[in-house]
N, C-alpha and C. Protein backbone atom coordinates (compact mmCIF):
# COMPACT_ATOMS: atom_id res chain seq x y z
N MET A 1 12.08 -25.65 -17.04
CA MET A 1 11.59 -24.20 -17.41
C MET A 1 11.43 -23.26 -16.09
N ALA A 2 11.74 -22.51 -16.60
CA ALA A 2 11.88 -21.36 -15.24
C ALA A 2 10.59 -20.61 -15.25
N GLU A 3 10.24 -20.05 -14.04
CA GLU A 3 9.06 -19.49 -13.89
C GLU A 3 8.96 -18.02 -14.06
N VAL A 4 8.11 -17.54 -15.36
CA VAL A 4 8.12 -16.14 -15.84
C VAL A 4 6.65 -15.25 -15.45
N VAL A 5 7.07 -13.98 -14.48
CA VAL A 5 5.88 -13.31 -14.34
C VAL A 5 6.50 -11.86 -14.76
N ILE A 6 5.19 -11.69 -15.29
CA ILE A 6 5.63 -10.25 -16.09
C ILE A 6 4.00 -9.28 -15.82
N TYR A 7 4.56 -7.88 -15.15
CA TYR A 7 3.30 -7.25 -14.68
C TYR A 7 3.30 -6.16 -16.38
N THR A 8 2.11 -5.84 -16.11
CA THR A 8 1.79 -4.86 -17.34
C THR A 8 0.65 -4.24 -17.17
N SER A 9 0.25 -3.65 -17.95
CA SER A 9 -0.75 -2.54 -18.19
C SER A 9 -1.18 -2.65 -19.66
N PRO A 10 -2.72 -2.12 -19.72
CA PRO A 10 -2.53 -2.35 -21.63
C PRO A 10 -2.31 -0.97 -21.85
N TRP A 11 -2.08 -1.22 -23.27
CA TRP A 11 -1.98 -0.10 -24.28
C TRP A 11 -0.09 0.24 -24.07
N CYS A 12 0.43 -0.39 -23.60
CA CYS A 12 2.02 -0.16 -23.18
C CYS A 12 2.84 -1.12 -24.36
N PRO A 13 3.65 0.15 -24.93
CA PRO A 13 4.34 -0.83 -26.11
C PRO A 13 5.09 -1.88 -25.74
N TYR A 14 5.94 -1.24 -24.39
CA TYR A 14 6.87 -2.17 -24.07
C TYR A 14 6.71 -3.50 -23.47
N CYS A 15 5.54 -3.51 -22.64
CA CYS A 15 5.14 -4.41 -22.45
C CYS A 15 4.79 -5.67 -23.35
N THR A 16 3.90 -4.96 -24.56
CA THR A 16 3.81 -5.95 -25.92
C THR A 16 5.00 -6.35 -26.38
N ARG A 17 6.29 -5.73 -26.36
CA ARG A 17 7.66 -6.28 -26.91
C ARG A 17 8.12 -7.05 -25.86
N ALA A 18 8.08 -7.32 -24.64
CA ALA A 18 8.51 -7.97 -23.76
C ALA A 18 7.70 -9.27 -23.97
N LYS A 19 6.35 -9.24 -23.99
CA LYS A 19 5.85 -10.24 -24.42
C LYS A 19 5.73 -11.19 -25.57
N LYS A 20 6.34 -10.28 -26.48
CA LYS A 20 6.10 -10.97 -27.80
C LYS A 20 7.72 -11.67 -27.80
N LEU A 21 8.63 -11.20 -27.42
CA LEU A 21 10.26 -11.70 -27.13
C LEU A 21 9.72 -12.88 -26.29
N LEU A 22 9.27 -13.29 -25.36
CA LEU A 22 8.88 -14.09 -24.46
C LEU A 22 8.11 -15.46 -25.29
N THR A 23 7.21 -14.70 -26.09
CA THR A 23 6.27 -15.82 -26.86
C THR A 23 6.94 -16.59 -27.86
N GLU A 24 7.94 -15.76 -28.74
CA GLU A 24 8.59 -16.16 -29.65
C GLU A 24 9.67 -17.42 -29.10
N LYS A 25 9.76 -17.01 -27.93
CA LYS A 25 10.59 -17.92 -27.42
C LYS A 25 9.62 -19.22 -27.18
N GLY A 26 9.03 -19.09 -27.09
CA GLY A 26 8.00 -20.20 -26.43
C GLY A 26 8.09 -20.29 -24.82
N VAL A 27 8.01 -19.45 -24.20
CA VAL A 27 8.19 -19.35 -22.82
C VAL A 27 6.67 -18.88 -22.58
N GLN A 28 6.65 -19.51 -21.46
CA GLN A 28 4.97 -19.34 -20.81
C GLN A 28 5.11 -18.47 -20.00
N PHE A 29 4.18 -17.64 -19.33
CA PHE A 29 4.50 -16.89 -18.26
C PHE A 29 3.16 -16.63 -18.10
N GLU A 30 3.46 -15.69 -16.79
CA GLU A 30 1.96 -15.43 -15.80
C GLU A 30 1.88 -13.89 -16.23
N GLU A 31 1.05 -13.18 -16.63
CA GLU A 31 0.68 -12.13 -16.97
C GLU A 31 -0.09 -11.05 -15.83
N ILE A 32 0.48 -10.15 -15.00
CA ILE A 32 -0.24 -9.30 -13.81
C ILE A 32 -0.90 -8.16 -14.42
N ASP A 33 -1.98 -7.84 -14.94
CA ASP A 33 -2.35 -6.86 -15.27
C ASP A 33 -2.77 -5.49 -14.17
N VAL A 34 -1.60 -4.48 -13.50
CA VAL A 34 -1.56 -3.43 -12.68
C VAL A 34 -2.62 -2.90 -12.74
N MET A 35 -3.12 -2.67 -13.88
CA MET A 35 -4.53 -1.57 -14.03
C MET A 35 -6.12 -2.03 -13.70
N MET A 36 -5.93 -3.54 -13.75
CA MET A 36 -7.10 -4.42 -13.55
C MET A 36 -7.07 -4.72 -12.21
N GLN A 37 -5.79 -4.62 -11.69
CA GLN A 37 -5.66 -5.32 -10.39
C GLN A 37 -4.59 -4.56 -9.71
N PRO A 38 -5.23 -3.09 -9.56
CA PRO A 38 -4.59 -1.82 -8.62
C PRO A 38 -3.32 -2.45 -7.59
N ARG A 39 -4.13 -3.45 -7.02
CA ARG A 39 -3.11 -3.47 -5.47
C ARG A 39 -1.97 -4.18 -5.74
N LYS A 40 -1.55 -4.74 -6.98
CA LYS A 40 -0.60 -5.76 -7.71
C LYS A 40 0.27 -4.66 -7.95
N ARG A 41 0.06 -3.53 -8.24
CA ARG A 41 1.22 -2.32 -8.48
C ARG A 41 2.24 -2.17 -7.08
N VAL A 42 1.90 -2.12 -5.96
CA VAL A 42 2.34 -2.17 -4.85
C VAL A 42 3.14 -3.39 -4.69
N GLU A 43 2.41 -4.56 -4.84
CA GLU A 43 3.26 -5.83 -4.83
C GLU A 43 4.45 -5.79 -5.98
N MET A 44 4.13 -5.43 -7.05
CA MET A 44 5.01 -5.08 -7.91
C MET A 44 6.52 -4.46 -7.69
N THR A 45 6.19 -3.14 -7.08
CA THR A 45 7.14 -2.63 -6.74
C THR A 45 8.08 -2.69 -5.71
N GLN A 46 7.48 -3.43 -5.05
CA GLN A 46 8.16 -4.16 -3.69
C GLN A 46 9.09 -5.34 -4.03
N LEU A 47 8.50 -6.15 -5.22
CA LEU A 47 9.53 -7.01 -5.49
C LEU A 47 10.50 -6.71 -6.79
N ALA A 48 9.88 -5.58 -7.37
CA ALA A 48 11.20 -4.74 -8.46
C ALA A 48 12.00 -3.82 -7.54
N GLU A 49 12.17 -4.09 -6.30
CA GLU A 49 13.04 -2.77 -5.68
C GLU A 49 13.03 -1.43 -6.14
N GLY A 50 11.70 -1.02 -6.01
CA GLY A 50 11.30 0.15 -5.82
C GLY A 50 11.01 0.42 -7.22
N ARG A 51 10.91 0.10 -8.10
CA ARG A 51 10.70 0.20 -9.77
C ARG A 51 9.14 0.43 -9.56
N THR A 52 8.61 1.09 -10.53
CA THR A 52 7.13 1.57 -10.69
C THR A 52 6.54 1.47 -12.04
N THR A 53 7.54 1.28 -12.87
CA THR A 53 6.88 1.35 -14.36
C THR A 53 7.04 0.25 -14.60
N VAL A 54 6.21 -0.31 -15.74
CA VAL A 54 5.69 -1.44 -16.19
C VAL A 54 6.48 -1.41 -17.89
N PRO A 55 6.58 -2.69 -18.39
CA PRO A 55 6.38 -3.97 -17.72
C PRO A 55 7.88 -4.02 -16.58
N GLN A 56 7.47 -4.74 -15.28
CA GLN A 56 8.36 -5.46 -14.83
C GLN A 56 8.42 -6.78 -14.70
N ILE A 57 9.43 -7.60 -15.27
CA ILE A 57 9.37 -8.87 -15.60
C ILE A 57 10.74 -9.79 -14.49
N PHE A 58 9.94 -10.49 -14.14
CA PHE A 58 10.36 -11.63 -13.17
C PHE A 58 10.80 -13.16 -13.51
N ILE A 59 11.74 -13.44 -13.30
CA ILE A 59 12.49 -14.91 -13.92
C ILE A 59 12.80 -15.85 -12.60
N ASP A 60 12.14 -16.66 -11.98
CA ASP A 60 12.19 -17.44 -11.12
C ASP A 60 12.22 -16.45 -10.08
N ALA A 61 11.37 -15.60 -9.60
CA ALA A 61 11.19 -14.31 -8.65
C ALA A 61 12.27 -13.59 -8.70
N LYS A 62 13.31 -13.62 -9.34
CA LYS A 62 14.25 -12.58 -9.43
C LYS A 62 13.70 -11.41 -10.32
N PRO A 63 14.44 -9.96 -9.91
CA PRO A 63 13.96 -8.98 -10.49
C PRO A 63 14.77 -8.84 -11.88
N ILE A 64 14.21 -8.77 -13.30
CA ILE A 64 15.13 -8.68 -14.36
C ILE A 64 15.03 -7.11 -14.40
N GLY A 65 14.05 -6.43 -14.50
CA GLY A 65 13.67 -4.92 -15.12
C GLY A 65 12.47 -5.05 -15.87
N GLY A 66 13.02 -4.14 -17.02
CA GLY A 66 11.71 -4.02 -17.76
C GLY A 66 12.32 -4.16 -19.68
N CYS A 67 11.25 -3.81 -20.42
CA CYS A 67 11.57 -4.59 -21.70
C CYS A 67 13.03 -4.39 -22.01
N ASP A 68 13.14 -3.03 -21.98
CA ASP A 68 14.80 -3.04 -22.36
C ASP A 68 15.72 -4.19 -22.19
N ASP A 69 15.77 -3.93 -20.61
CA ASP A 69 16.96 -5.09 -19.79
C ASP A 69 16.32 -6.69 -20.17
N LEU A 70 15.34 -7.08 -20.58
CA LEU A 70 14.92 -8.32 -20.82
C LEU A 70 15.59 -8.37 -22.48
N TYR A 71 15.83 -7.23 -23.28
CA TYR A 71 16.03 -7.32 -24.61
C TYR A 71 17.92 -7.26 -24.73
N ALA A 72 18.15 -6.91 -23.79
CA ALA A 72 19.94 -6.72 -23.65
C ALA A 72 20.41 -8.02 -22.97
N LEU A 73 19.63 -8.26 -21.98
CA LEU A 73 19.79 -10.18 -21.73
C LEU A 73 19.76 -11.13 -23.02
N ASP A 74 18.83 -10.75 -23.47
CA ASP A 74 19.11 -11.33 -24.68
C ASP A 74 19.98 -11.08 -25.84
N ARG A 75 20.19 -9.86 -25.95
CA ARG A 75 21.20 -9.66 -26.85
C ARG A 75 22.84 -10.47 -26.41
N ALA A 76 22.70 -10.44 -25.07
CA ALA A 76 24.00 -10.61 -24.43
C ALA A 76 24.39 -12.35 -24.54
N GLY A 77 23.35 -13.03 -24.66
CA GLY A 77 22.96 -14.39 -24.93
C GLY A 77 22.95 -15.10 -23.12
N LYS A 78 22.29 -14.39 -22.31
CA LYS A 78 21.93 -14.78 -21.05
C LYS A 78 20.91 -14.99 -20.83
N LEU A 79 19.98 -14.86 -21.80
CA LEU A 79 18.34 -14.87 -21.23
C LEU A 79 18.14 -16.31 -21.36
N ASP A 80 18.43 -16.72 -22.13
CA ASP A 80 18.33 -18.35 -22.80
C ASP A 80 18.57 -19.34 -21.47
N PRO A 81 19.99 -19.10 -20.94
CA PRO A 81 20.27 -19.81 -19.94
C PRO A 81 19.14 -19.77 -18.82
N MET A 82 18.77 -18.54 -18.43
CA MET A 82 18.02 -17.86 -17.08
C MET A 82 16.75 -18.52 -17.13
N LEU A 83 16.03 -18.84 -18.88
CA LEU A 83 15.01 -19.35 -18.79
C LEU A 83 14.93 -21.13 -18.80
N GLY A 84 16.27 -21.19 -18.41
CA GLY A 84 16.50 -23.00 -18.54
C GLY A 84 16.43 -23.68 -20.20
N ARG A 85 17.04 -22.70 -21.09
CA ARG A 85 16.84 -23.23 -22.41
C ARG A 85 18.24 -23.36 -22.57
N ALA A 86 19.22 -23.30 -22.34
CA ALA A 86 20.64 -23.40 -22.30
C ALA A 86 21.21 -24.48 -22.96
């Protein structure tokens, strides 16, 4: 199974949607709250190639993007293979 990391903040509806999709797929993920750990936002921005919005999702350290990107991968049938669920 792939390693999934998601950078989030509280009360973010896009973060909630992204986590819901991953949870429905039975994917375990590490959640990093950038509001509770402000230094992690800098780390997230660097890893996300300059993106500053949450959520930022990484699968096996590869930047996927945000919630819309995650759902687009799923609709295209590309998410499950990335998660090692092919």
